[in-house]
Structure formats: structure tokens, C-alpha cells
């Protein structure tokens, strides 16, 4: 019996020694393997996403007032025109024929009135006949004036001074009041008319900087600024119209479509780390092979990179992803190669944090020293992939399924 107890005690001691040995080996001789990223200093921005079209600030459409066949259209795209200048004409043969008949009738009435005028003082009957003929002549003149107005309505005139920006339709086609045949206006200054989702419109204000992306100029930074916000939104599309003023030297052309990032908050320098490095409101820094948990406040958020505010400096190594299973002071081995550890930790990206609409794009630029501080923000914003269109489509599908 004593031997059995002795053997049990010896086994327990052996297990404890093995556990202690494994703990010591894992903690001191074989620490946990981790991956890290480097906290970077970068400009960060939050932007509202929208899509728009380039238009002149002043322009007008030319549409026919009646459904008629086109008999004349000028070949004047790109030409300067004056207000009232005739650009085209609809078929007016019937109206001209009627006008000719009216003119003939007026001539006859004028001759009859001239004869009656000679005799109007001879008797009361002659005076009455003169007055009747004068009345019929005035009525004929009024009908002629009205017919000329009808004829003029078949002429397509320039509504303002400017350039013929576009011409549609061909001679021989039948055009109706729903058909736009000409776009006329001064080619400059230009603006972008953008549509912004209603849940984001409160972030927009006149004077804010806007960064544009166009497929016609891939990789090129294009600038604009908010000039006006339409007070009333579209309840069907759930959007508001925002006007973005373009600079005089913009390469964009009228009719081009663009994607717009309207910057409503930005910082020229912020500490950014990968989002996966944050856990429980803190990051785990690595110094001399040991980890330390540092509380931080989250600023501008991204799906992969986040601005942090706290006692973390540029160049600090942080666990990425965070390891909540490791206590403060635990020894770790870094898996990263030296080249990877020095790569920039922050890149441009969109966000989708809880409680924030997906159209709020967040930009965190990689560390750089640009000649113009705005260039870093703009370059970062232009690399962001905005998923607003996908989310809009998803919302419409959900709404239609209800």
C-alpha cells in the first residue's frame, strides 16, 4: 500500500515537472510565433462617395414644340451661336399655305375697305359698312399674326448665346416634344452634377474638396470643389444633387461620367495600423521580443487600416493580427522577414464600420513626403475601391423583395 502511494506521488511530481518544463520551454526557450506590422505616419481622410456627369454651368436643351417631320437641321456642332439663331425647322408647308391664303384675303379686304372709305360720309349705311369692313380687316390681320407665330414655333432656335454642344436627329425624322435635338451653352465653366445618397448629405457642405476619378484618365488625380447642394432630394432614388465646380484647366469633357470622393474630414498626419491589430480597444506592441498592450482610441476607420490615437509612435511594431491569448510581457518570435516589417502599414481603402453607411469612404495613405500635402490625400483617395454601387443594388433588392 505504501509502495502504491509512493508511486502515485512520484507520478504526480513527474507530471508537474513535465508541465513546468514545458511552460519554461514554451515561454523562455520557445516563445510564440507572431506576425507584426509597422505603425505608419500617413495622411488620412474620410470622404462621401457619389457618381456624376460633367456639364456646363449654363446650358439648355432645344426641343420641338410640336410633333412634326424635320426638314432642316444645321451642321453646327462645336460652332458658336447667338440667342434666337435658327438651328433647324420642322415641316411647315400646311401653315405656309394657310398663311398665303390669309394674305390674299387681307389684300381683298384692304381693297374693299379703301372703296368703303370713299363713301363712308355719304350716309349712315355707308359709315356702318366701312366700320364692318375695317373690323373684318383687323380680324384678318390678327389671324395672320397668329399664323406667323405658329410658323415660328416650327423653327428651332438657340435659347442662349453659346456653343452647339451636341446635335441629335436627322432631316426626315419625325421629332416630338420629348426629343432633344440640340444642347446649347457656353462650354466653360464646367461642373460635375453628382448624386449623393440621402443618408450622407448632412456631411456635405459648400467649399469642401472633391477628388474625381474618370475612366478616361486612369490613375490621374482630378480636383473639384462643392459649389451648391440642391435643397430638395429625390424621394424615389433617395439621393440629393450636389454641384462640384471644376477648375478651368480640367481635362474632363462635357458628358463624361466620373466618380467623386467629397472629403469632409482629413488629417495630414496620423498613426495608422492594420485593423486586425486592434483588439479590445488596444494594440500589442513588440519591444525586445516581449509584447505590451497599449490602449488606443480609434479615429478614421478602414476595412484593413485604422487610425489610432494613443501612446504608439511611427515605426512601432504591433502584432497583426492581435493575439488575445498572449499576456503582457510574453516572449514572442516574429515571423516577418525584415523586408516585410519595414513595408508601409497603411494603404488606401474604403470603410464599412458599424453604424456608418458604406458610402463613407475612408482613405489612409501610405507614408510619404509629397511636395504638396494635398497630393498624398488625393493619391490615397483615388486608390480606394468604393463599393457604394453594390450596396445600393443590395438595398434595392431587399426593398423590392418586401
Protein backbone atom coordinates (compact mmCIF):
# COMPACT_ATOMS: atom_id res chain seq x y z
CA UNK A 1 0.00 0.00 0.00
CA UNK A 2 2.82 2.38 0.89
CA UNK A 3 4.57 1.47 -2.33
CA UNK A 4 1.43 2.26 -4.32
CA UNK A 5 1.10 5.70 -2.70
CA UNK A 6 4.75 6.36 -3.31
CA UNK A 7 4.38 5.52 -6.98
CA UNK A 8 1.33 7.83 -7.31
CA UNK A 9 3.14 10.72 -5.65
CA UNK A 10 6.15 10.15 -7.86
CA UNK A 11 3.90 10.22 -10.97
CA UNK A 12 2.25 13.47 -9.89
CA UNK A 13 5.63 15.07 -9.33
CA UNK A 14 6.80 13.86 -12.74
CA UNK A 15 3.72 15.33 -14.45
CA UNK A 16 4.17 18.64 -12.61
CA UNK A 17 7.84 18.73 -13.53
CA UNK A 18 6.99 17.99 -17.15
CA UNK A 19 4.35 20.73 -17.19
CA UNK A 20 6.75 23.20 -15.60
CA UNK A 21 9.42 22.19 -18.04
CA UNK A 22 7.09 22.64 -21.00
CA UNK A 23 5.95 26.00 -19.65
CA UNK A 24 9.52 27.14 -19.23
CA UNK A 25 10.45 25.85 -22.66
CA UNK A 26 7.49 27.46 -24.37
CA UNK A 27 7.89 30.74 -22.51
CA UNK A 28 11.62 31.20 -22.42
CA UNK A 29 13.20 28.73 -24.82
CA UNK A 30 10.44 28.51 -27.47
CA UNK A 31 8.26 31.70 -27.40
CA UNK A 32 5.11 32.03 -29.53
CA UNK A 33 5.48 32.78 -33.24
CA UNK A 34 3.70 36.01 -34.25
CA UNK A 35 3.39 38.34 -37.22
CA UNK A 36 3.72 42.09 -36.97
CA UNK A 37 3.17 45.27 -38.93
CA UNK A 38 4.71 48.67 -38.56
CA UNK A 39 2.66 51.63 -37.41
CA UNK A 40 2.94 54.26 -40.12
CA UNK A 41 2.51 58.03 -40.28
CA UNK A 42 0.13 58.95 -43.07
CA UNK A 43 -2.47 61.50 -44.17
CA UNK A 44 -5.99 60.17 -43.64
CA UNK A 45 -9.33 61.34 -44.97
CA UNK A 46 -12.99 60.49 -44.79
CA UNK A 47 -14.99 61.01 -47.95
CA UNK A 48 -18.54 60.66 -49.19
CA UNK A 49 -18.84 58.77 -52.45
CA UNK A 50 -21.04 59.71 -55.40
CA UNK A 51 -21.29 59.49 -59.16
CA UNK A 52 -21.89 62.35 -61.54
CA UNK A 53 -21.72 63.79 -65.03
CA UNK A 54 -19.72 66.72 -66.38
CA UNK A 55 -21.93 69.58 -67.61
CA UNK A 56 -21.54 73.29 -68.41
CA UNK A 57 -22.71 75.56 -65.63
CA UNK A 58 -25.14 77.21 -68.09
CA UNK A 59 -26.79 75.26 -70.88
CA UNK A 60 -30.20 74.49 -72.35
CA UNK A 61 -31.91 71.86 -74.44
CA UNK A 62 -33.64 72.63 -77.72
CA UNK A 63 -36.82 70.59 -78.23
CA UNK A 64 -39.64 70.94 -80.80
CA UNK A 65 -42.98 72.24 -79.59
CA UNK A 66 -44.95 70.00 -81.96
CA UNK A 67 -44.67 66.52 -83.40
CA UNK A 68 -43.55 67.17 -86.96
CA UNK A 69 -41.09 65.96 -89.55
CA UNK A 70 -37.70 67.66 -89.61
CA UNK A 71 -36.92 69.42 -92.88
CA UNK A 72 -33.79 71.40 -91.85
CA UNK A 73 -31.03 70.89 -89.29
CA UNK A 74 -27.80 72.82 -89.17
CA UNK A 75 -24.44 71.06 -89.19
CA UNK A 76 -23.21 73.26 -86.39
CA UNK A 77 -21.81 71.11 -83.57
CA UNK A 78 -18.96 72.99 -81.94
CA UNK A 79 -19.97 76.29 -83.55
CA UNK A 80 -20.73 79.47 -81.63
CA UNK A 81 -24.33 80.67 -81.96
CA UNK A 82 -26.34 83.67 -80.76
CA UNK A 83 -29.61 83.59 -78.90
CA UNK A 84 -32.50 83.28 -81.36
CA UNK A 85 -30.35 81.93 -84.18
CA UNK A 86 -32.23 79.34 -86.28
CA UNK A 87 -30.77 75.85 -85.89
CA UNK A 88 -33.45 73.82 -87.66
CA UNK A 89 -37.00 73.74 -88.99
CA UNK A 90 -39.93 71.35 -88.93
CA UNK A 91 -42.33 70.77 -91.81
CA UNK A 92 -44.43 73.91 -92.13
CA UNK A 93 -45.94 73.50 -95.64
CA UNK A 94 -49.51 73.42 -94.33
CA UNK A 95 -49.03 76.52 -92.22
CA UNK A 96 -47.38 78.43 -95.08
CA UNK A 97 -50.20 77.54 -97.45
CA UNK A 98 -52.74 78.77 -94.92
CA UNK A 99 -50.73 81.97 -94.44
CA UNK A 100 -50.69 82.60 -98.19
CA UNK A 101 -54.48 82.31 -98.28
CA UNK A 102 -54.78 84.70 -95.36
CA UNK A 103 -52.54 87.23 -97.09
CA UNK A 104 -54.67 87.04 -100.24
CA UNK A 105 -57.82 87.54 -98.18
CA UNK A 106 -56.28 90.51 -96.40
CA UNK A 107 -55.44 92.13 -99.71
CA UNK A 108 -59.02 91.81 -100.82
CA UNK A 109 -60.27 93.24 -97.51
CA UNK A 110 -57.90 96.19 -97.83
CA UNK A 111 -59.24 96.99 -101.29
CA UNK A 112 -62.84 96.69 -100.07
CA UNK A 113 -62.06 98.98 -97.15
CA UNK A 114 -60.48 101.55 -99.45
CA UNK A 115 -63.66 101.70 -101.56
CA UNK A 116 -65.87 101.94 -98.49
CA UNK A 117 -63.75 104.73 -97.07
CA UNK A 118 -64.58 106.97 -100.03
CA UNK A 119 -68.32 106.71 -99.37
CA UNK A 120 -68.44 106.50 -95.58
CA UNK A 121 -69.55 110.12 -95.12
CA UNK A 122 -72.41 109.91 -97.63
CA UNK A 123 -74.84 108.10 -95.34
CA UNK A 124 -75.22 106.19 -92.13
CA UNK A 125 -75.35 102.92 -94.04
CA UNK A 126 -72.09 103.73 -95.81
CA UNK A 127 -70.45 104.55 -92.49
CA UNK A 128 -71.69 101.25 -90.99
CA UNK A 129 -70.39 99.31 -93.99
CA UNK A 130 -66.99 100.98 -93.60
CA UNK A 131 -66.80 100.06 -89.92
CA UNK A 132 -67.70 96.42 -90.68
CA UNK A 133 -65.05 96.17 -93.38
CA UNK A 134 -62.46 97.74 -91.06
CA UNK A 135 -63.35 95.18 -88.34
CA UNK A 136 -63.01 92.26 -90.78
CA UNK A 137 -59.62 93.56 -91.90
CA UNK A 138 -58.37 93.83 -88.32
CA UNK A 139 -59.56 90.31 -87.62
CA UNK A 140 -57.71 89.09 -90.69
CA UNK A 141 -54.53 90.84 -89.51
CA UNK A 142 -54.86 89.15 -86.10
CA UNK A 143 -55.27 85.73 -87.72
CA UNK A 144 -52.21 86.38 -89.88
CA UNK A 145 -50.16 87.36 -86.80
CA UNK A 146 -51.26 84.20 -85.01
CA UNK A 147 -50.40 82.09 -88.06
CA UNK A 148 -46.92 83.61 -88.18
CA UNK A 149 -46.47 82.65 -84.51
CA UNK A 150 -47.45 79.08 -85.40
CA UNK A 151 -44.93 79.13 -88.23
CA UNK A 152 -42.23 80.49 -85.94
CA UNK A 153 -42.92 77.72 -83.41
CA UNK A 154 -41.75 75.24 -86.05
CA UNK A 155 -38.33 76.88 -86.10
CA UNK A 156 -35.67 75.54 -83.73
CA UNK A 157 -33.76 78.49 -82.27
CA UNK A 158 -30.78 78.81 -79.96
CA UNK A 159 -32.10 79.55 -76.44
CA UNK A 160 -28.96 81.44 -75.35
CA UNK A 161 -25.56 82.57 -76.53
CA UNK A 162 -23.03 79.78 -76.52
CA UNK A 163 -21.81 76.78 -78.45
CA UNK A 164 -23.78 73.94 -80.00
CA UNK A 165 -22.54 71.20 -77.73
CA UNK A 166 -24.39 68.38 -79.43
CA UNK A 167 -26.92 67.76 -82.19
CA UNK A 168 -29.25 64.78 -82.44
CA UNK A 169 -31.80 63.81 -85.08
CA UNK A 170 -31.67 63.82 -88.87
CA UNK A 171 -33.63 65.53 -91.62
CA UNK A 172 -36.67 63.42 -92.49
CA UNK A 173 -37.23 62.08 -89.00
CA UNK A 174 -40.37 62.89 -87.03
CA UNK A 175 -39.49 64.74 -83.84
CA UNK A 176 -41.75 65.26 -80.83
CA UNK A 177 -41.54 67.50 -77.75
CA UNK A 178 -39.80 64.68 -75.87
CA UNK A 179 -36.86 64.63 -78.31
CA UNK A 180 -33.83 66.81 -77.54
CA UNK A 181 -32.36 67.96 -80.84
CA UNK A 182 -29.66 70.39 -79.63
CA UNK A 183 -27.70 71.12 -76.46
CA UNK A 184 -26.55 74.75 -76.39
CA UNK A 185 -24.48 76.63 -73.84
CA UNK A 186 -21.09 78.18 -73.06
CA UNK A 187 -18.51 75.36 -72.91
CA UNK A 188 -16.92 76.86 -69.80
CA UNK A 189 -17.00 77.00 -66.84
CA UNK A 190 -17.92 73.37 -66.24
CA UNK A 191 -19.23 71.47 -63.25
CA UNK A 192 -19.98 67.94 -62.12
CA UNK A 193 -23.56 67.19 -61.18
CA UNK A 194 -23.26 64.35 -58.67
CA UNK A 195 -25.84 62.21 -56.90
CA UNK A 196 -25.24 61.62 -53.18
CA UNK A 197 -27.24 59.20 -51.04
CA UNK A 198 -29.57 60.95 -48.63
CA UNK A 199 -28.03 59.40 -45.51
CA UNK A 200 -24.72 61.05 -46.38
CA UNK A 201 -25.89 64.50 -47.47
CA UNK A 202 -25.55 66.01 -43.97
CA UNK A 203 -21.78 65.51 -44.23
CA UNK A 204 -21.56 67.70 -47.35
CA UNK A 205 -21.05 71.48 -47.27
CA UNK A 206 -20.16 74.13 -49.83
CA UNK A 207 -16.43 74.64 -50.22
CA UNK A 208 -15.38 71.08 -49.45
CA UNK A 209 -12.69 69.50 -51.61
CA UNK A 210 -13.73 66.78 -54.04
CA UNK A 211 -11.48 64.21 -55.70
CA UNK A 212 -12.62 62.79 -59.01
CA UNK A 213 -11.85 59.59 -60.85
CA UNK A 214 -12.62 59.10 -64.55
CA UNK A 215 -12.04 56.06 -66.74
CA UNK A 216 -10.88 58.46 -69.45
CA UNK A 217 -7.88 59.41 -67.28
CA UNK A 218 -6.87 56.27 -65.36
CA UNK A 219 -4.62 56.90 -62.40
CA UNK A 220 -4.84 60.68 -62.76
CA UNK A 221 -5.83 62.97 -59.89
CA UNK A 222 -8.68 65.34 -60.76
CA UNK A 223 -9.90 68.05 -58.41
CA UNK A 224 -13.15 69.90 -57.82
CA UNK A 225 -14.96 71.69 -55.01
CA UNK A 226 -18.53 71.69 -53.75
CA UNK A 227 -20.34 74.79 -55.02
CA UNK A 228 -24.00 74.05 -54.32
CA UNK A 229 -26.36 71.46 -52.84
CA UNK A 230 -29.91 71.11 -54.13
CA UNK A 231 -32.25 71.75 -51.16
CA UNK A 232 -34.81 69.10 -52.19
CA UNK A 233 -33.81 65.48 -52.69
CA UNK A 234 -35.28 62.80 -54.93
CA UNK A 235 -37.55 60.67 -52.72
CA UNK A 236 -37.66 57.87 -55.30
CA UNK A 237 -33.92 57.46 -55.79
CA UNK A 238 -33.16 58.66 -52.22
CA UNK A 239 -30.42 60.97 -53.44
CA UNK A 240 -29.54 64.65 -53.37
CA UNK A 241 -27.95 66.57 -56.22
CA UNK A 242 -24.58 68.17 -55.46
CA UNK A 243 -22.76 70.53 -57.85
CA UNK A 244 -18.97 70.35 -57.99
CA UNK A 245 -17.12 73.26 -59.61
CA UNK A 246 -14.27 72.23 -61.90
CA UNK A 247 -11.09 74.27 -62.41
CA UNK A 248 -10.50 75.97 -65.76
CA UNK A 249 -7.67 73.59 -66.68
CA UNK A 250 -9.60 70.37 -66.08
CA UNK A 251 -9.11 67.76 -68.81
CA UNK A 252 -12.67 66.47 -68.37
CA UNK A 253 -15.12 66.94 -71.21
CA UNK A 254 -18.83 67.65 -71.22
CA UNK A 255 -20.84 64.46 -70.86
CA UNK A 256 -18.12 62.39 -69.17
CA UNK A 257 -19.11 60.34 -66.14
CA UNK A 258 -16.99 60.49 -63.00
CA UNK A 259 -16.79 59.03 -59.53
CA UNK A 260 -16.48 61.63 -56.81
CA UNK A 261 -15.00 61.42 -53.32
CA UNK A 262 -16.05 64.50 -51.36
CA UNK A 263 -13.63 64.99 -48.45
CA UNK A 264 -15.43 66.04 -45.28
CA UNK A 265 -12.72 65.21 -42.73
CA UNK A 266 -8.96 64.88 -43.10
CA UNK A 267 -5.70 64.87 -41.19
CA UNK A 268 -2.34 65.50 -42.76
CA UNK A 269 -0.53 63.14 -40.36
CA UNK A 270 -1.97 60.25 -38.36
CA UNK A 271 -0.71 56.95 -36.96
CA UNK A 272 -2.30 54.08 -38.85
CA UNK A 273 -2.15 50.30 -38.28
CA UNK A 274 -3.97 47.30 -39.79
CA UNK A 275 -7.49 46.88 -38.41
CA UNK A 276 -6.67 43.31 -37.36
CA UNK A 277 -4.03 44.69 -34.98
CA UNK A 278 -6.71 46.20 -32.72
CA UNK A 279 -8.50 44.10 -30.14
CA UNK A 280 -10.41 45.28 -27.09
CA UNK A 281 -9.54 48.92 -27.67
CA UNK A 282 -5.80 48.31 -27.64
CA UNK A 283 -2.83 47.16 -29.72
CA UNK A 284 0.01 44.86 -28.73
CA UNK A 285 3.42 46.38 -29.35
CA UNK A 286 6.61 44.35 -29.56
CA UNK A 287 9.82 45.58 -27.92
CA UNK A 288 12.91 43.42 -27.40
CA UNK A 289 10.93 40.25 -28.04
CA UNK A 290 8.22 40.98 -25.47
CA UNK A 291 4.71 42.21 -26.06
CA UNK A 292 2.95 45.06 -24.28
CA UNK A 293 -0.72 46.01 -24.54
CA UNK A 294 -1.25 49.73 -25.28
CA UNK A 295 -4.77 51.27 -25.06
CA UNK A 296 -5.72 53.33 -28.13
CA UNK A 297 -8.65 55.32 -29.44
CA UNK A 298 -9.82 54.59 -32.95
CA UNK A 299 -10.12 57.53 -35.35
CA UNK A 300 -10.69 57.16 -39.08
CA UNK A 301 -11.51 53.53 -39.77
CA UNK A 302 -10.90 51.35 -42.76
CA UNK A 303 -11.62 47.72 -43.52
CA UNK A 304 -7.88 46.94 -43.37
CA UNK A 305 -6.27 50.05 -41.85
CA UNK A 306 -7.28 52.22 -38.93
CA UNK A 307 -6.12 55.49 -37.45
CA UNK A 308 -5.16 55.07 -33.80
CA UNK A 309 -4.76 57.73 -31.15
CA UNK A 310 -2.62 56.75 -28.18
CA UNK A 311 0.91 56.08 -27.00
CA UNK A 312 2.06 54.47 -30.25
CA UNK A 313 4.77 56.09 -32.34
CA UNK A 314 5.63 55.84 -36.01
CA UNK A 315 7.72 52.74 -36.67
CA UNK A 316 6.41 50.81 -33.69
CA UNK A 317 5.93 47.10 -34.33
CA UNK A 318 2.45 45.84 -33.47
CA UNK A 319 1.04 42.34 -33.53
CA UNK A 320 -1.02 41.84 -36.66
CA UNK A 321 -3.29 40.06 -36.16
CA UNK A 322 -3.70 40.73 -32.46
CA UNK A 323 -3.14 37.77 -30.12
CA UNK A 324 -5.55 37.99 -27.21
CA UNK A 325 -4.20 34.67 -25.90
CA UNK A 326 -0.83 36.24 -25.11
CA UNK A 327 -0.40 38.13 -21.85
CA UNK A 328 1.62 41.27 -21.33
CA UNK A 329 5.30 40.53 -21.08
CA UNK A 330 5.09 37.26 -23.01
CA UNK A 331 8.09 36.48 -25.17
CA UNK A 332 7.39 36.16 -28.89
CA UNK A 333 9.22 35.32 -32.07
CA UNK A 334 8.46 37.49 -35.11
CA UNK A 335 7.73 35.57 -38.28
CA UNK A 336 8.05 38.61 -40.56
CA UNK A 337 11.14 38.96 -42.69
CA UNK A 338 12.97 42.28 -42.25
CA UNK A 339 11.71 43.47 -45.63
CA UNK A 340 8.11 42.85 -44.66
CA UNK A 341 8.48 44.50 -41.29
CA UNK A 342 9.51 47.72 -42.98
CA UNK A 343 6.71 47.78 -45.53
CA UNK A 344 4.16 50.60 -45.12
CA UNK A 345 1.35 49.50 -42.86
CA UNK A 346 -1.27 51.83 -44.28
CA UNK A 347 -2.85 51.80 -47.69
CA UNK A 348 -5.91 53.49 -49.13
CA UNK A 349 -9.19 51.74 -48.70
CA UNK A 350 -12.95 52.14 -48.10
CA UNK A 351 -14.65 51.52 -44.80
CA UNK A 352 -17.80 49.84 -43.62
CA UNK A 353 -17.76 50.23 -39.82
CA UNK A 354 -20.89 49.53 -37.75
CA UNK A 355 -23.27 52.46 -37.80
CA UNK A 356 -21.62 54.14 -40.78
CA UNK A 357 -23.10 53.94 -44.27
CA UNK A 358 -20.87 52.16 -46.81
CA UNK A 359 -20.76 55.29 -48.92
CA UNK A 360 -18.49 56.97 -46.36
CA UNK A 361 -15.11 56.17 -47.84
CA UNK A 362 -12.09 56.31 -45.59
CA UNK A 363 -8.65 56.92 -47.02
CA UNK A 364 -5.42 56.15 -45.20
CA UNK A 365 -2.41 56.91 -47.34
CA UNK A 366 0.92 55.11 -47.20
CA UNK A 367 3.72 57.07 -45.51
CA UNK A 368 5.20 59.55 -47.94
CA UNK A 369 6.62 63.07 -48.13
CA UNK A 370 4.83 64.80 -51.00
CA UNK A 371 5.70 68.23 -52.24
CA UNK A 372 2.06 69.20 -51.83
CA UNK A 373 0.34 67.75 -48.72
CA UNK A 374 -2.92 67.52 -50.65
CA UNK A 375 -1.32 65.22 -53.22
CA UNK A 376 -0.89 62.47 -50.64
CA UNK A 377 -4.54 62.68 -49.63
CA UNK A 378 -5.71 62.81 -53.23
CA UNK A 379 -3.46 59.98 -54.36
CA UNK A 380 -4.68 57.87 -51.46
CA UNK A 381 -8.32 58.65 -52.16
CA UNK A 382 -8.02 57.76 -55.81
CA UNK A 383 -6.76 54.25 -54.96
CA UNK A 384 -9.79 53.49 -52.81
CA UNK A 385 -12.26 50.99 -54.24
CA UNK A 386 -15.73 52.23 -53.37
CA UNK A 387 -18.46 49.60 -53.05
CA UNK A 388 -21.36 52.06 -52.86
CA UNK A 389 -22.93 50.84 -56.10
CA UNK A 390 -23.02 47.26 -54.85
CA UNK A 391 -24.59 48.30 -51.56
CA UNK A 392 -27.18 50.44 -53.34
CA UNK A 393 -28.12 47.48 -55.53
CA UNK A 394 -28.35 45.27 -52.45
CA UNK A 395 -30.63 47.75 -50.70
CA UNK A 396 -32.88 47.97 -53.77
CA UNK A 397 -33.12 44.18 -53.96
CA UNK A 398 -34.06 43.97 -50.29
CA UNK A 399 -36.60 46.77 -50.71
CA UNK A 400 -38.17 45.11 -53.79
CA UNK A 401 -38.41 41.75 -52.05
CA UNK A 402 -40.51 43.17 -49.24
